[in-house]
Amino acid sequence: MIAFILNTDYIALCDLLKVEGIAESGGQGKAMVAEGMVTVDGETELRKTAKIRAGQIVECMGQTIKVLANNADQ
């Protein structure tokens, strides 16, 4: 499982896939979402720029990303 530390309120789903190296580009990330290859909290997500927030779990291509809050901000 990949732990992603969120430094803002949210990250767009396609950007998260790119940042974590699951997608080579934002465009590829958007294509993966459009093809139904991505789940968020166990549900297929088709919104390419869905706002992913702390506490959510994203799965794609056999990879699991747990989105965590940056507690240093609190």
PDB file of N, CA and C in Angstrom:
ATOM      1  N   MET A   1       0.848  -1.187   0.000  1.00  0.00           N
ATOM      2  CA  MET A   1       0.000   0.000   0.000  1.00  0.00           C
ATOM      3  C   MET A   1       0.885   1.239   0.000  1.00  0.00           C
ATOM      4  N   ILE A   2       0.520   2.202  -0.802  1.00  0.00           N
ATOM      5  CA  ILE A   2       1.229   3.477  -0.900  1.00  0.00           C
ATOM      6  C   ILE A   2       0.540   4.472   0.030  1.00  0.00           C
ATOM      7  N   ALA A   3       1.300   5.166   0.850  1.00  0.00           N
ATOM      8  CA  ALA A   3       0.751   6.233   1.690  1.00  0.00           C
ATOM      9  C   ALA A   3       1.054   7.566   1.005  1.00  0.00           C
ATOM     10  N   PHE A   4       0.009   8.324   0.722  1.00  0.00           N
ATOM     11  CA  PHE A   4       0.170   9.639   0.095  1.00  0.00           C
ATOM     12  C   PHE A   4      -0.204  10.693   1.129  1.00  0.00           C
ATOM     13  N   ILE A   5       0.719  11.587   1.436  1.00  0.00           N
ATOM     14  CA  ILE A   5       0.474  12.657   2.408  1.00  0.00           C
ATOM     15  C   ILE A   5      -0.095  13.865   1.663  1.00  0.00           C
ATOM     16  N   LEU A   6      -1.287  14.243   2.032  1.00  0.00           N
ATOM     17  CA  LEU A   6      -1.999  15.345   1.381  1.00  0.00           C
ATOM     18  C   LEU A   6      -1.656  16.653   2.089  1.00  0.00           C
ATOM     19  N   ASN A   7      -1.119  17.607   1.344  1.00  0.00           N
ATOM     20  CA  ASN A   7      -0.726  18.897   1.925  1.00  0.00           C
ATOM     21  C   ASN A   7      -1.744  19.993   1.666  1.00  0.00           C
ATOM     22  N   THR A   8      -2.812  19.680   0.954  1.00  0.00           N
ATOM     23  CA  THR A   8      -3.885  20.628   0.663  1.00  0.00           C
ATOM     24  C   THR A   8      -5.203  19.959   1.043  1.00  0.00           C
ATOM     25  N   ASP A   9      -6.322  20.616   0.782  1.00  0.00           N
ATOM     26  CA  ASP A   9      -7.627  20.040   1.121  1.00  0.00           C
ATOM     27  C   ASP A   9      -7.930  18.792   0.302  1.00  0.00           C
ATOM     28  N   TYR A  10      -7.474  18.783  -0.956  1.00  0.00           N
ATOM     29  CA  TYR A  10      -7.747  17.648  -1.831  1.00  0.00           C
ATOM     30  C   TYR A  10      -6.744  17.618  -2.975  1.00  0.00           C
ATOM     31  N   ILE A  11      -6.748  16.491  -3.711  1.00  0.00           N
ATOM     32  CA  ILE A  11      -5.973  16.370  -4.945  1.00  0.00           C
ATOM     33  C   ILE A  11      -6.898  15.757  -5.987  1.00  0.00           C
ATOM     34  N   ALA A  12      -6.796  16.220  -7.223  1.00  0.00           N
ATOM     35  CA  ALA A  12      -7.607  15.653  -8.298  1.00  0.00           C
ATOM     36  C   ALA A  12      -7.155  14.209  -8.540  1.00  0.00           C
ATOM     37  N   LEU A  13      -8.106  13.340  -8.782  1.00  0.00           N
ATOM     38  CA  LEU A  13      -7.817  11.918  -8.959  1.00  0.00           C
ATOM     39  C   LEU A  13      -6.766  11.673 -10.036  1.00  0.00           C
ATOM     40  N   CYS A  14      -6.907  12.290 -11.196  1.00  0.00           N
ATOM     41  CA  CYS A  14      -5.937  12.070 -12.280  1.00  0.00           C
ATOM     42  C   CYS A  14      -4.539  12.535 -11.870  1.00  0.00           C
ATOM     43  N   ASP A  15      -4.459  13.606 -11.072  1.00  0.00           N
ATOM     44  CA  ASP A  15      -3.164  14.096 -10.598  1.00  0.00           C
ATOM     45  C   ASP A  15      -2.538  13.133  -9.595  1.00  0.00           C
ATOM     46  N   LEU A  16      -3.355  12.539  -8.733  1.00  0.00           N
ATOM     47  CA  LEU A  16      -2.847  11.570  -7.763  1.00  0.00           C
ATOM     48  C   LEU A  16      -2.240  10.367  -8.478  1.00  0.00           C
ATOM     49  N   LEU A  17      -2.908   9.888  -9.510  1.00  0.00           N
ATOM     50  CA  LEU A  17      -2.381   8.751 -10.268  1.00  0.00           C
ATOM     51  C   LEU A  17      -1.037   9.091 -10.907  1.00  0.00           C
ATOM     52  N   LYS A  18      -0.910  10.330 -11.396  1.00  0.00           N
ATOM     53  CA  LYS A  18       0.342  10.768 -12.018  1.00  0.00           C
ATOM     54  C   LYS A  18       1.442  10.922 -10.969  1.00  0.00           C
ATOM     55  N   VAL A  19       1.150  11.580  -9.865  1.00  0.00           N
ATOM     56  CA  VAL A  19       2.145  11.829  -8.824  1.00  0.00           C
ATOM     57  C   VAL A  19       2.688  10.517  -8.260  1.00  0.00           C
ATOM     58  N   GLU A  20       1.835   9.530  -8.111  1.00  0.00           N
ATOM     59  CA  GLU A  20       2.266   8.254  -7.535  1.00  0.00           C
ATOM     60  C   GLU A  20       2.853   7.296  -8.573  1.00  0.00           C
ATOM     61  N   GLY A  21       2.933   7.720  -9.831  1.00  0.00           N
ATOM     62  CA  GLY A  21       3.599   6.919 -10.851  1.00  0.00           C
ATOM     63  C   GLY A  21       2.760   5.792 -11.432  1.00  0.00           C
ATOM     64  N   ILE A  22       1.477   5.751 -11.097  1.00  0.00           N
ATOM     65  CA  ILE A  22       0.597   4.729 -11.677  1.00  0.00           C
ATOM     66  C   ILE A  22       0.293   5.101 -13.123  1.00  0.00           C
ATOM     67  N   ALA A  23       0.114   6.398 -13.365  1.00  0.00           N
ATOM     68  CA  ALA A  23      -0.068   6.916 -14.724  1.00  0.00           C
ATOM     69  C   ALA A  23       1.182   7.709 -15.094  1.00  0.00           C
ATOM     70  N   GLU A  24       1.603   7.611 -16.345  1.00  0.00           N
ATOM     71  CA  GLU A  24       2.789   8.343 -16.791  1.00  0.00           C
ATOM     72  C   GLU A  24       2.516   9.830 -16.992  1.00  0.00           C
ATOM     73  N   SER A  25       1.235  10.170 -17.180  1.00  0.00           N
ATOM     74  CA  SER A  25       0.871  11.566 -17.392  1.00  0.00           C
ATOM     75  C   SER A  25      -0.545  11.790 -16.874  1.00  0.00           C
ATOM     76  N   GLY A  26      -0.916  13.059 -16.758  1.00  0.00           N
ATOM     77  CA  GLY A  26      -2.290  13.378 -16.366  1.00  0.00           C
ATOM     78  C   GLY A  26      -3.284  12.848 -17.381  1.00  0.00           C
ATOM     79  N   GLY A  27      -2.913  12.915 -18.655  1.00  0.00           N
ATOM     80  CA  GLY A  27      -3.793  12.406 -19.720  1.00  0.00           C
ATOM     81  C   GLY A  27      -4.014  10.909 -19.593  1.00  0.00           C
ATOM     82  N   GLN A  28      -2.947  10.184 -19.285  1.00  0.00           N
ATOM     83  CA  GLN A  28      -3.101   8.738 -19.111  1.00  0.00           C
ATOM     84  C   GLN A  28      -3.957   8.454 -17.877  1.00  0.00           C
ATOM     85  N   GLY A  29      -3.773   9.237 -16.823  1.00  0.00           N
ATOM     86  CA  GLY A  29      -4.594   9.086 -15.621  1.00  0.00           C
ATOM     87  C   GLY A  29      -6.056   9.296 -15.921  1.00  0.00           C
ATOM     88  N   LYS A  30      -6.362  10.325 -16.719  1.00  0.00           N
ATOM     89  CA  LYS A  30      -7.753  10.594 -17.101  1.00  0.00           C
ATOM     90  C   LYS A  30      -8.327   9.444 -17.910  1.00  0.00           C
ATOM     91  N   ALA A  31      -7.519   8.871 -18.807  1.00  0.00           N
ATOM     92  CA  ALA A  31      -7.967   7.740 -19.617  1.00  0.00           C
ATOM     93  C   ALA A  31      -8.259   6.526 -18.736  1.00  0.00           C
ATOM     94  N   MET A  32      -7.412   6.273 -17.745  1.00  0.00           N
ATOM     95  CA  MET A  32      -7.624   5.151 -16.826  1.00  0.00           C
ATOM     96  C   MET A  32      -8.953   5.311 -16.085  1.00  0.00           C
ATOM     97  N   VAL A  33      -9.218   6.531 -15.626  1.00  0.00           N
ATOM     98  CA  VAL A  33     -10.476   6.797 -14.919  1.00  0.00           C
ATOM     99  C   VAL A  33     -11.657   6.590 -15.871  1.00  0.00           C
ATOM    100  N   ALA A  34     -11.558   7.141 -17.078  1.00  0.00           N
ATOM    101  CA  ALA A  34     -12.647   7.036 -18.054  1.00  0.00           C
ATOM    102  C   ALA A  34     -12.950   5.584 -18.421  1.00  0.00           C
ATOM    103  N   GLU A  35     -11.920   4.733 -18.397  1.00  0.00           N
ATOM    104  CA  GLU A  35     -12.094   3.321 -18.741  1.00  0.00           C
ATOM    105  C   GLU A  35     -12.595   2.490 -17.564  1.00  0.00           C
ATOM    106  N   GLY A  36     -12.829   3.122 -16.414  1.00  0.00           N
ATOM    107  CA  GLY A  36     -13.354   2.406 -15.254  1.00  0.00           C
ATOM    108  C   GLY A  36     -12.317   1.574 -14.526  1.00  0.00           C
ATOM    109  N   MET A  37     -11.044   1.939 -14.660  1.00  0.00           N
ATOM    110  CA  MET A  37      -9.956   1.174 -14.051  1.00  0.00           C
ATOM    111  C   MET A  37      -9.643   1.601 -12.618  1.00  0.00           C
ATOM    112  N   VAL A  38     -10.333   2.634 -12.123  1.00  0.00           N
ATOM    113  CA  VAL A  38      -9.991   3.211 -10.826  1.00  0.00           C
ATOM    114  C   VAL A  38     -11.180   3.110  -9.870  1.00  0.00           C
ATOM    115  N   THR A  39     -10.882   2.703  -8.631  1.00  0.00           N
ATOM    116  CA  THR A  39     -11.917   2.730  -7.598  1.00  0.00           C
ATOM    117  C   THR A  39     -11.481   3.664  -6.484  1.00  0.00           C
ATOM    118  N   VAL A  40     -12.469   4.320  -5.881  1.00  0.00           N
ATOM    119  CA  VAL A  40     -12.256   5.171  -4.716  1.00  0.00           C
ATOM    120  C   VAL A  40     -13.173   4.644  -3.629  1.00  0.00           C
ATOM    121  N   ASP A  41     -12.588   4.248  -2.521  1.00  0.00           N
ATOM    122  CA  ASP A  41     -13.338   3.663  -1.406  1.00  0.00           C
ATOM    123  C   ASP A  41     -14.208   2.496  -1.872  1.00  0.00           C
ATOM    124  N   GLY A  42     -13.658   1.687  -2.796  1.00  0.00           N
ATOM    125  CA  GLY A  42     -14.331   0.479  -3.240  1.00  0.00           C
ATOM    126  C   GLY A  42     -15.356   0.656  -4.343  1.00  0.00           C
ATOM    127  N   GLU A  43     -15.594   1.877  -4.777  1.00  0.00           N
ATOM    128  CA  GLU A  43     -16.575   2.167  -5.829  1.00  0.00           C
ATOM    129  C   GLU A  43     -15.852   2.665  -7.080  1.00  0.00           C
ATOM    130  N   THR A  44     -16.272   2.186  -8.239  1.00  0.00           N
ATOM    131  CA  THR A  44     -15.684   2.674  -9.489  1.00  0.00           C
ATOM    132  C   THR A  44     -15.927   4.172  -9.603  1.00  0.00           C
ATOM    133  N   GLU A  45     -14.866   4.903  -9.901  1.00  0.00           N
ATOM    134  CA  GLU A  45     -14.945   6.362 -10.027  1.00  0.00           C
ATOM    135  C   GLU A  45     -14.717   6.748 -11.473  1.00  0.00           C
ATOM    136  N   LEU A  46     -15.673   7.465 -12.064  1.00  0.00           N
ATOM    137  CA  LEU A  46     -15.571   7.867 -13.463  1.00  0.00           C
ATOM    138  C   LEU A  46     -15.323   9.365 -13.635  1.00  0.00           C
ATOM    139  N   ARG A  47     -15.262  10.109 -12.542  1.00  0.00           N
ATOM    140  CA  ARG A  47     -14.970  11.546 -12.626  1.00  0.00           C
ATOM    141  C   ARG A  47     -13.456  11.719 -12.607  1.00  0.00           C
ATOM    142  N   LYS A  48     -12.907  12.187 -13.707  1.00  0.00           N
ATOM    143  CA  LYS A  48     -11.453  12.275 -13.860  1.00  0.00           C
ATOM    144  C   LYS A  48     -10.800  13.184 -12.832  1.00  0.00           C
ATOM    145  N   THR A  49     -11.486  14.264 -12.477  1.00  0.00           N
ATOM    146  CA  THR A  49     -10.900  15.220 -11.537  1.00  0.00           C
ATOM    147  C   THR A  49     -11.629  15.171 -10.192  1.00  0.00           C
ATOM    148  N   ALA A  50     -12.137  13.994  -9.818  1.00  0.00           N
ATOM    149  CA  ALA A  50     -12.791  13.848  -8.515  1.00  0.00           C
ATOM    150  C   ALA A  50     -11.836  14.335  -7.429  1.00  0.00           C
ATOM    151  N   LYS A  51     -12.370  15.035  -6.448  1.00  0.00           N
ATOM    152  CA  LYS A  51     -11.553  15.559  -5.350  1.00  0.00           C
ATOM    153  C   LYS A  51     -11.299  14.436  -4.350  1.00  0.00           C
ATOM    154  N   ILE A  52     -10.044  14.036  -4.239  1.00  0.00           N
ATOM    155  CA  ILE A  52      -9.649  12.983  -3.309  1.00  0.00           C
ATOM    156  C   ILE A  52      -9.138  13.644  -2.039  1.00  0.00           C
ATOM    157  N   ARG A  53      -9.743  13.260  -0.928  1.00  0.00           N
ATOM    158  CA  ARG A  53      -9.426  13.884   0.357  1.00  0.00           C
ATOM    159  C   ARG A  53      -8.810  12.871   1.318  1.00  0.00           C
ATOM    160  N   ALA A  54      -8.243  13.378   2.405  1.00  0.00           N
ATOM    161  CA  ALA A  54      -7.627  12.519   3.425  1.00  0.00           C
ATOM    162  C   ALA A  54      -8.629  11.480   3.910  1.00  0.00           C
ATOM    163  N   GLY A  55      -8.147  10.263   4.081  1.00  0.00           N
ATOM    164  CA  GLY A  55      -8.986   9.173   4.565  1.00  0.00           C
ATOM    165  C   GLY A  55      -9.515   8.276   3.459  1.00  0.00           C
ATOM    166  N   GLN A  56      -9.379   8.710   2.207  1.00  0.00           N
ATOM    167  CA  GLN A  56      -9.883   7.910   1.099  1.00  0.00           C
ATOM    168  C   GLN A  56      -8.832   6.918   0.620  1.00  0.00           C
ATOM    169  N   ILE A  57      -9.303   5.844   0.009  1.00  0.00           N
ATOM    170  CA  ILE A  57      -8.428   4.813  -0.546  1.00  0.00           C
ATOM    171  C   ILE A  57      -8.712   4.693  -2.037  1.00  0.00           C
ATOM    172  N   VAL A  58      -7.659   4.819  -2.834  1.00  0.00           N
ATOM    173  CA  VAL A  58      -7.758   4.750  -4.293  1.00  0.00           C
ATOM    174  C   VAL A  58      -7.035   3.483  -4.750  1.00  0.00           C
ATOM    175  N   GLU A  59      -7.670   2.734  -5.650  1.00  0.00           N
ATOM    176  CA  GLU A  59      -7.051   1.529  -6.197  1.00  0.00           C
ATOM    177  C   GLU A  59      -7.053   1.600  -7.718  1.00  0.00           C
ATOM    178  N   CYS A  60      -5.916   1.197  -8.306  1.00  0.00           N
ATOM    179  CA  CYS A  60      -5.779   1.185  -9.768  1.00  0.00           C
ATOM    180  C   CYS A  60      -4.600   0.299 -10.139  1.00  0.00           C
ATOM    181  N   MET A  61      -4.785  -0.550 -11.132  1.00  0.00           N
ATOM    182  CA  MET A  61      -3.708  -1.390 -11.662  1.00  0.00           C
ATOM    183  C   MET A  61      -3.010  -2.211 -10.562  1.00  0.00           C
ATOM    184  N   GLY A  62      -3.758  -2.697  -9.605  1.00  0.00           N
ATOM    185  CA  GLY A  62      -3.195  -3.507  -8.539  1.00  0.00           C
ATOM    186  C   GLY A  62      -2.488  -2.717  -7.447  1.00  0.00           C
ATOM    187  N   GLN A  63      -2.498  -1.407  -7.558  1.00  0.00           N
ATOM    188  CA  GLN A  63      -1.872  -0.537  -6.556  1.00  0.00           C
ATOM    189  C   GLN A  63      -2.959   0.070  -5.669  1.00  0.00           C
ATOM    190  N   THR A  64      -2.662   0.200  -4.388  1.00  0.00           N
ATOM    191  CA  THR A  64      -3.590   0.826  -3.441  1.00  0.00           C
ATOM    192  C   THR A  64      -2.910   2.044  -2.839  1.00  0.00           C
ATOM    193  N   ILE A  65      -3.617   3.171  -2.877  1.00  0.00           N
ATOM    194  CA  ILE A  65      -3.101   4.418  -2.313  1.00  0.00           C
ATOM    195  C   ILE A  65      -4.015   4.829  -1.167  1.00  0.00           C
ATOM    196  N   LYS A  66      -3.447   4.983   0.020  1.00  0.00           N
ATOM    197  CA  LYS A  66      -4.182   5.497   1.183  1.00  0.00           C
ATOM    198  C   LYS A  66      -3.801   6.961   1.311  1.00  0.00           C
ATOM    199  N   VAL A  67      -4.791   7.850   1.260  1.00  0.00           N
ATOM    200  CA  VAL A  67      -4.542   9.291   1.324  1.00  0.00           C
ATOM    201  C   VAL A  67      -4.616   9.722   2.795  1.00  0.00           C
ATOM    202  N   LEU A  68      -3.527  10.298   3.260  1.00  0.00           N
ATOM    203  CA  LEU A  68      -3.411  10.707   4.661  1.00  0.00           C
ATOM    204  C   LEU A  68      -3.295  12.223   4.770  1.00  0.00           C
ATOM    205  N   ALA A  69      -3.814  12.755   5.886  1.00  0.00           N
ATOM    206  CA  ALA A  69      -3.689  14.189   6.145  1.00  0.00           C
ATOM    207  C   ALA A  69      -2.273  14.494   6.619  1.00  0.00           C
ATOM    208  N   ASN A  70      -1.800  15.684   6.279  1.00  0.00           N
ATOM    209  CA  ASN A  70      -0.515  16.163   6.788  1.00  0.00           C
ATOM    210  C   ASN A  70      -0.784  16.764   8.153  1.00  0.00           C
ATOM    211  N   ASN A  71      -0.522  16.006   9.207  1.00  0.00           N
ATOM    212  CA  ASN A  71      -0.842  16.462  10.567  1.00  0.00           C
ATOM    213  C   ASN A  71       0.047  17.605  11.037  1.00  0.00           C
ATOM    214  N   ALA A  72       1.092  17.919  10.306  1.00  0.00           N
ATOM    215  CA  ALA A  72       1.953  19.034  10.680  1.00  0.00           C
ATOM    216  C   ALA A  72       1.221  20.355  10.570  1.00  0.00           C
ATOM    217  N   ASP A  73       0.145  20.383   9.757  1.00  0.00           N
ATOM    218  CA  ASP A  73      -0.625  21.613   9.580  1.00  0.00           C
ATOM    219  C   ASP A  73      -1.552  21.896  10.757  1.00  0.00           C
ATOM    220  N   GLN A  74      -1.757  20.913  11.617  1.00  0.00           N
ATOM    221  CA  GLN A  74      -2.746  21.068  12.685  1.00  0.00           C
ATOM    222  C   GLN A  74      -2.108  21.513  13.972  1.00  0.00           C
TER     223      GLN A  74
END
